[in-house]
Amino acid sequence: MELKSKQLAWPFSGEKQFQADDVQLKFSGKMTDYALDFSTAVKGQSLPPAKIALNAKAMNGRSISTS
């Protein structure tokens, strides 16, 4: 399963308080053996701009690595 969005913001209408750009989420495998990859760039009110990346793998339902 894969989700991609150029931009997500909160709230949906009015002045943006939070914004995520280039959102990419990928989930592959089975519920017991899977890989998850997530990345985005965020910014908002009271939040400095930052890039976030998460990569995780699990085997037999147990986390074996994250970064």
PDB file of N, CA and C in Angstrom:
ATOM      1  N   MET A   1       0.855  -1.146   0.000  1.00  0.00           N
ATOM      2  CA  MET A   1       0.000   0.000   0.000  1.00  0.00           C
ATOM      3  C   MET A   1       0.914   1.226   0.000  1.00  0.00           C
ATOM      4  N   GLU A   2       0.525   2.234  -0.749  1.00  0.00           N
ATOM      5  CA  GLU A   2       1.344   3.430  -0.849  1.00  0.00           C
ATOM      6  C   GLU A   2       0.460   4.674  -0.834  1.00  0.00           C
ATOM      7  N   LEU A   3       0.904   5.675  -0.096  1.00  0.00           N
ATOM      8  CA  LEU A   3       0.202   6.953  -0.019  1.00  0.00           C
ATOM      9  C   LEU A   3       1.204   8.046  -0.345  1.00  0.00           C
ATOM     10  N   LYS A   4       0.829   8.924  -1.272  1.00  0.00           N
ATOM     11  CA  LYS A   4       1.674  10.062  -1.621  1.00  0.00           C
ATOM     12  C   LYS A   4       0.803  11.307  -1.680  1.00  0.00           C
ATOM     13  N   SER A   5       1.337  12.407  -1.176  1.00  0.00           N
ATOM     14  CA  SER A   5       0.627  13.678  -1.247  1.00  0.00           C
ATOM     15  C   SER A   5       1.649  14.797  -1.372  1.00  0.00           C
ATOM     16  N   LYS A   6       1.381  15.735  -2.251  1.00  0.00           N
ATOM     17  CA  LYS A   6       2.281  16.887  -2.386  1.00  0.00           C
ATOM     18  C   LYS A   6       2.196  17.772  -1.155  1.00  0.00           C
ATOM     19  N   GLN A   7       0.987  17.858  -0.559  1.00  0.00           N
ATOM     20  CA  GLN A   7       0.834  18.719   0.609  1.00  0.00           C
ATOM     21  C   GLN A   7      -0.402  18.323   1.411  1.00  0.00           C
ATOM     22  N   LEU A   8      -0.234  18.246   2.726  1.00  0.00           N
ATOM     23  CA  LEU A   8      -1.335  18.068   3.664  1.00  0.00           C
ATOM     24  C   LEU A   8      -1.256  19.220   4.655  1.00  0.00           C
ATOM     25  N   ALA A   9      -2.399  19.741   5.083  1.00  0.00           N
ATOM     26  CA  ALA A   9      -2.394  20.871   6.013  1.00  0.00           C
ATOM     27  C   ALA A   9      -3.523  20.732   7.026  1.00  0.00           C
ATOM     28  N   TRP A  10      -3.334  21.381   8.185  1.00  0.00           N
ATOM     29  CA  TRP A  10      -4.348  21.416   9.231  1.00  0.00           C
ATOM     30  C   TRP A  10      -4.458  22.836   9.743  1.00  0.00           C
ATOM     31  N   PRO A  11      -5.624  23.367   9.951  1.00  0.00           N
ATOM     32  CA  PRO A  11      -6.919  22.794   9.585  1.00  0.00           C
ATOM     33  C   PRO A  11      -7.126  22.814   8.072  1.00  0.00           C
ATOM     34  N   PHE A  12      -8.165  22.123   7.644  1.00  0.00           N
ATOM     35  CA  PHE A  12      -8.440  22.002   6.212  1.00  0.00           C
ATOM     36  C   PHE A  12      -8.839  23.330   5.577  1.00  0.00           C
ATOM     37  N   SER A  13      -9.427  24.221   6.364  1.00  0.00           N
ATOM     38  CA  SER A  13      -9.800  25.539   5.833  1.00  0.00           C
ATOM     39  C   SER A  13      -9.292  26.611   6.791  1.00  0.00           C
ATOM     40  N   GLY A  14      -9.144  27.812   6.286  1.00  0.00           N
ATOM     41  CA  GLY A  14      -8.626  28.901   7.106  1.00  0.00           C
ATOM     42  C   GLY A  14      -7.104  28.897   7.136  1.00  0.00           C
ATOM     43  N   GLU A  15      -6.545  29.626   8.097  1.00  0.00           N
ATOM     44  CA  GLU A  15      -5.090  29.746   8.213  1.00  0.00           C
ATOM     45  C   GLU A  15      -4.462  28.412   8.635  1.00  0.00           C
ATOM     46  N   LYS A  16      -3.443  28.001   7.917  1.00  0.00           N
ATOM     47  CA  LYS A  16      -2.766  26.731   8.206  1.00  0.00           C
ATOM     48  C   LYS A  16      -1.973  26.839   9.506  1.00  0.00           C
ATOM     49  N   GLN A  17      -2.136  25.869  10.380  1.00  0.00           N
ATOM     50  CA  GLN A  17      -1.345  25.793  11.600  1.00  0.00           C
ATOM     51  C   GLN A  17      -0.213  24.779  11.448  1.00  0.00           C
ATOM     52  N   PHE A  18      -0.403  23.827  10.552  1.00  0.00           N
ATOM     53  CA  PHE A  18       0.568  22.760  10.331  1.00  0.00           C
ATOM     54  C   PHE A  18       0.522  22.365   8.867  1.00  0.00           C
ATOM     55  N   GLN A  19       1.688  22.104   8.289  1.00  0.00           N
ATOM     56  CA  GLN A  19       1.752  21.704   6.884  1.00  0.00           C
ATOM     57  C   GLN A  19       2.816  20.629   6.710  1.00  0.00           C
ATOM     58  N   ALA A  20       2.488  19.597   5.949  1.00  0.00           N
ATOM     59  CA  ALA A  20       3.432  18.537   5.594  1.00  0.00           C
ATOM     60  C   ALA A  20       3.530  18.504   4.073  1.00  0.00           C
ATOM     61  N   ASP A  21       4.750  18.585   3.559  1.00  0.00           N
ATOM     62  CA  ASP A  21       4.985  18.580   2.115  1.00  0.00           C
ATOM     63  C   ASP A  21       5.648  17.272   1.692  1.00  0.00           C
ATOM     64  N   ASP A  22       5.385  16.878   0.454  1.00  0.00           N
ATOM     65  CA  ASP A  22       5.990  15.672  -0.122  1.00  0.00           C
ATOM     66  C   ASP A  22       5.859  14.467   0.809  1.00  0.00           C
ATOM     67  N   VAL A  23       4.638  14.184   1.222  1.00  0.00           N
ATOM     68  CA  VAL A  23       4.370  13.066   2.124  1.00  0.00           C
ATOM     69  C   VAL A  23       4.420  11.761   1.338  1.00  0.00           C
ATOM     70  N   GLN A  24       5.208  10.813   1.837  1.00  0.00           N
ATOM     71  CA  GLN A  24       5.296   9.495   1.213  1.00  0.00           C
ATOM     72  C   GLN A  24       5.244   8.438   2.306  1.00  0.00           C
ATOM     73  N   LEU A  25       4.294   7.537   2.193  1.00  0.00           N
ATOM     74  CA  LEU A  25       4.137   6.436   3.139  1.00  0.00           C
ATOM     75  C   LEU A  25       3.987   5.157   2.338  1.00  0.00           C
ATOM     76  N   LYS A  26       4.832   4.183   2.616  1.00  0.00           N
ATOM     77  CA  LYS A  26       4.766   2.907   1.911  1.00  0.00           C
ATOM     78  C   LYS A  26       4.788   1.784   2.935  1.00  0.00           C
ATOM     79  N   PHE A  27       3.806   0.898   2.833  1.00  0.00           N
ATOM     80  CA  PHE A  27       3.692  -0.270   3.697  1.00  0.00           C
ATOM     81  C   PHE A  27       3.692  -1.483   2.788  1.00  0.00           C
ATOM     82  N   SER A  28       4.616  -2.403   3.011  1.00  0.00           N
ATOM     83  CA  SER A  28       4.667  -3.595   2.169  1.00  0.00           C
ATOM     84  C   SER A  28       4.837  -4.834   3.036  1.00  0.00           C
ATOM     85  N   GLY A  29       4.394  -5.969   2.511  1.00  0.00           N
ATOM     86  CA  GLY A  29       4.509  -7.230   3.228  1.00  0.00           C
ATOM     87  C   GLY A  29       3.197  -7.633   3.859  1.00  0.00           C
ATOM     88  N   LYS A  30       3.296  -8.570   4.804  1.00  0.00           N
ATOM     89  CA  LYS A  30       2.135  -9.069   5.545  1.00  0.00           C
ATOM     90  C   LYS A  30       2.104  -8.407   6.914  1.00  0.00           C
ATOM     91  N   MET A  31       1.064  -8.649   7.671  1.00  0.00           N
ATOM     92  CA  MET A  31       0.963  -8.054   9.002  1.00  0.00           C
ATOM     93  C   MET A  31       2.038  -8.595   9.946  1.00  0.00           C
ATOM     94  N   THR A  32       2.582  -9.771   9.679  1.00  0.00           N
ATOM     95  CA  THR A  32       3.619 -10.331  10.544  1.00  0.00           C
ATOM     96  C   THR A  32       5.030 -10.068  10.032  1.00  0.00           C
ATOM     97  N   ASP A  33       5.196  -9.867   8.746  1.00  0.00           N
ATOM     98  CA  ASP A  33       6.497  -9.576   8.132  1.00  0.00           C
ATOM     99  C   ASP A  33       6.310  -8.377   7.207  1.00  0.00           C
ATOM    100  N   TYR A  34       6.698  -7.214   7.656  1.00  0.00           N
ATOM    101  CA  TYR A  34       6.396  -6.018   6.875  1.00  0.00           C
ATOM    102  C   TYR A  34       7.542  -5.011   6.907  1.00  0.00           C
ATOM    103  N   ALA A  35       7.441  -4.066   6.002  1.00  0.00           N
ATOM    104  CA  ALA A  35       8.355  -2.925   5.961  1.00  0.00           C
ATOM    105  C   ALA A  35       7.508  -1.661   5.847  1.00  0.00           C
ATOM    106  N   LEU A  36       7.934  -0.630   6.539  1.00  0.00           N
ATOM    107  CA  LEU A  36       7.244   0.651   6.530  1.00  0.00           C
ATOM    108  C   LEU A  36       8.275   1.732   6.241  1.00  0.00           C
ATOM    109  N   ASP A  37       7.988   2.572   5.264  1.00  0.00           N
ATOM    110  CA  ASP A  37       8.852   3.699   4.922  1.00  0.00           C
ATOM    111  C   ASP A  37       7.992   4.960   4.904  1.00  0.00           C
ATOM    112  N   PHE A  38       8.442   5.993   5.605  1.00  0.00           N
ATOM    113  CA  PHE A  38       7.692   7.239   5.704  1.00  0.00           C
ATOM    114  C   PHE A  38       8.665   8.407   5.608  1.00  0.00           C
ATOM    115  N   SER A  39       8.292   9.423   4.840  1.00  0.00           N
ATOM    116  CA  SER A  39       9.103  10.642   4.790  1.00  0.00           C
ATOM    117  C   SER A  39       8.215  11.842   4.480  1.00  0.00           C
ATOM    118  N   THR A  40       8.605  12.995   5.023  1.00  0.00           N
ATOM    119  CA  THR A  40       7.890  14.237   4.781  1.00  0.00           C
ATOM    120  C   THR A  40       8.737  15.419   5.257  1.00  0.00           C
ATOM    121  N   ALA A  41       8.355  16.591   4.847  1.00  0.00           N
ATOM    122  CA  ALA A  41       8.930  17.836   5.361  1.00  0.00           C
ATOM    123  C   ALA A  41       7.785  18.580   6.038  1.00  0.00           C
ATOM    124  N   VAL A  42       7.987  19.016   7.278  1.00  0.00           N
ATOM    125  CA  VAL A  42       6.914  19.662   8.034  1.00  0.00           C
ATOM    126  C   VAL A  42       7.296  21.085   8.420  1.00  0.00           C
ATOM    127  N   LYS A  43       6.261  21.897   8.655  1.00  0.00           N
ATOM    128  CA  LYS A  43       6.435  23.249   9.185  1.00  0.00           C
ATOM    129  C   LYS A  43       5.091  23.700   9.727  1.00  0.00           C
ATOM    130  N   GLY A  44       5.123  24.701  10.581  1.00  0.00           N
ATOM    131  CA  GLY A  44       3.870  25.190  11.120  1.00  0.00           C
ATOM    132  C   GLY A  44       4.079  26.246  12.180  1.00  0.00           C
ATOM    133  N   GLN A  45       2.967  26.707  12.738  1.00  0.00           N
ATOM    134  CA  GLN A  45       3.015  27.686  13.813  1.00  0.00           C
ATOM    135  C   GLN A  45       3.677  27.023  15.017  1.00  0.00           C
ATOM    136  N   SER A  46       4.647  27.679  15.607  1.00  0.00           N
ATOM    137  CA  SER A  46       5.386  27.152  16.766  1.00  0.00           C
ATOM    138  C   SER A  46       6.116  25.850  16.454  1.00  0.00           C
ATOM    139  N   LEU A  47       6.400  25.614  15.182  1.00  0.00           N
ATOM    140  CA  LEU A  47       7.117  24.404  14.769  1.00  0.00           C
ATOM    141  C   LEU A  47       8.126  24.786  13.696  1.00  0.00           C
ATOM    142  N   PRO A  48       9.408  24.649  13.973  1.00  0.00           N
ATOM    143  CA  PRO A  48      10.398  24.990  12.949  1.00  0.00           C
ATOM    144  C   PRO A  48      10.352  23.981  11.806  1.00  0.00           C
ATOM    145  N   PRO A  49      10.734  24.385  10.612  1.00  0.00           N
ATOM    146  CA  PRO A  49      10.762  23.451   9.485  1.00  0.00           C
ATOM    147  C   PRO A  49      11.680  22.266   9.796  1.00  0.00           C
ATOM    148  N   ALA A  50      11.245  21.075   9.414  1.00  0.00           N
ATOM    149  CA  ALA A  50      12.030  19.863   9.669  1.00  0.00           C
ATOM    150  C   ALA A  50      11.697  18.808   8.627  1.00  0.00           C
ATOM    151  N   LYS A  51      12.638  17.918   8.416  1.00  0.00           N
ATOM    152  CA  LYS A  51      12.408  16.755   7.562  1.00  0.00           C
ATOM    153  C   LYS A  51      12.332  15.537   8.464  1.00  0.00           C
ATOM    154  N   ILE A  52      11.373  14.668   8.177  1.00  0.00           N
ATOM    155  CA  ILE A  52      11.166  13.468   8.982  1.00  0.00           C
ATOM    156  C   ILE A  52      11.245  12.254   8.067  1.00  0.00           C
ATOM    157  N   ALA A  53      11.977  11.243   8.516  1.00  0.00           N
ATOM    158  CA  ALA A  53      12.054   9.984   7.775  1.00  0.00           C
ATOM    159  C   ALA A  53      12.022   8.840   8.778  1.00  0.00           C
ATOM    160  N   LEU A  54      11.258   7.816   8.464  1.00  0.00           N
ATOM    161  CA  LEU A  54      11.163   6.632   9.311  1.00  0.00           C
ATOM    162  C   LEU A  54      11.177   5.411   8.420  1.00  0.00           C
ATOM    163  N   ASN A  55      12.030   4.470   8.750  1.00  0.00           N
ATOM    164  CA  ASN A  55      12.085   3.190   8.061  1.00  0.00           C
ATOM    165  C   ASN A  55      12.029   2.117   9.133  1.00  0.00           C
ATOM    166  N   ALA A  56      11.120   1.167   8.985  1.00  0.00           N
ATOM    167  CA  ALA A  56      10.990   0.107   9.982  1.00  0.00           C
ATOM    168  C   ALA A  56      10.719  -1.222   9.294  1.00  0.00           C
ATOM    169  N   LYS A  57      11.214  -2.280   9.914  1.00  0.00           N
ATOM    170  CA  LYS A  57      10.964  -3.635   9.421  1.00  0.00           C
ATOM    171  C   LYS A  57      10.604  -4.504  10.607  1.00  0.00           C
ATOM    172  N   ALA A  58       9.742  -5.468  10.371  1.00  0.00           N
ATOM    173  CA  ALA A  58       9.364  -6.402  11.427  1.00  0.00           C
ATOM    174  C   ALA A  58       9.279  -7.805  10.843  1.00  0.00           C
ATOM    175  N   MET A  59       9.584  -8.773  11.686  1.00  0.00           N
ATOM    176  CA  MET A  59       9.511 -10.167  11.283  1.00  0.00           C
ATOM    177  C   MET A  59       8.782 -10.917  12.391  1.00  0.00           C
ATOM    178  N   ASN A  60       7.810 -11.725  12.029  1.00  0.00           N
ATOM    179  CA  ASN A  60       6.999 -12.463  12.995  1.00  0.00           C
ATOM    180  C   ASN A  60       6.341 -11.536  14.014  1.00  0.00           C
ATOM    181  N   GLY A  61       5.961 -10.341  13.552  1.00  0.00           N
ATOM    182  CA  GLY A  61       5.267  -9.400  14.414  1.00  0.00           C
ATOM    183  C   GLY A  61       6.163  -8.658  15.385  1.00  0.00           C
ATOM    184  N   ARG A  62       7.490  -8.854  15.312  1.00  0.00           N
ATOM    185  CA  ARG A  62       8.425  -8.182  16.215  1.00  0.00           C
ATOM    186  C   ARG A  62       9.299  -7.220  15.427  1.00  0.00           C
ATOM    187  N   SER A  63       9.471  -6.049  15.965  1.00  0.00           N
ATOM    188  CA  SER A  63      10.315  -5.054  15.306  1.00  0.00           C
ATOM    189  C   SER A  63      11.758  -5.532  15.316  1.00  0.00           C
ATOM    190  N   ILE A  64      12.397  -5.492  14.145  1.00  0.00           N
ATOM    191  CA  ILE A  64      13.796  -5.902  14.094  1.00  0.00           C
ATOM    192  C   ILE A  64      14.725  -4.755  13.751  1.00  0.00           C
ATOM    193  N   SER A  65      14.196  -3.704  13.157  1.00  0.00           N
ATOM    194  CA  SER A  65      15.052  -2.547  12.893  1.00  0.00           C
ATOM    195  C   SER A  65      14.214  -1.320  12.594  1.00  0.00           C
ATOM    196  N   THR A  66      14.705  -0.191  13.049  1.00  0.00           N
ATOM    197  CA  THR A  66      14.100   1.099  12.724  1.00  0.00           C
ATOM    198  C   THR A  66      15.225   2.092  12.511  1.00  0.00           C
ATOM    199  N   SER A  67      14.945   3.106  11.734  1.00  0.00           N
ATOM    200  CA  SER A  67      15.922   4.175  11.548  1.00  0.00           C
ATOM    201  C   SER A  67      15.200   5.440  11.148  1.00  0.00           C
TER     202      SER A  67
END
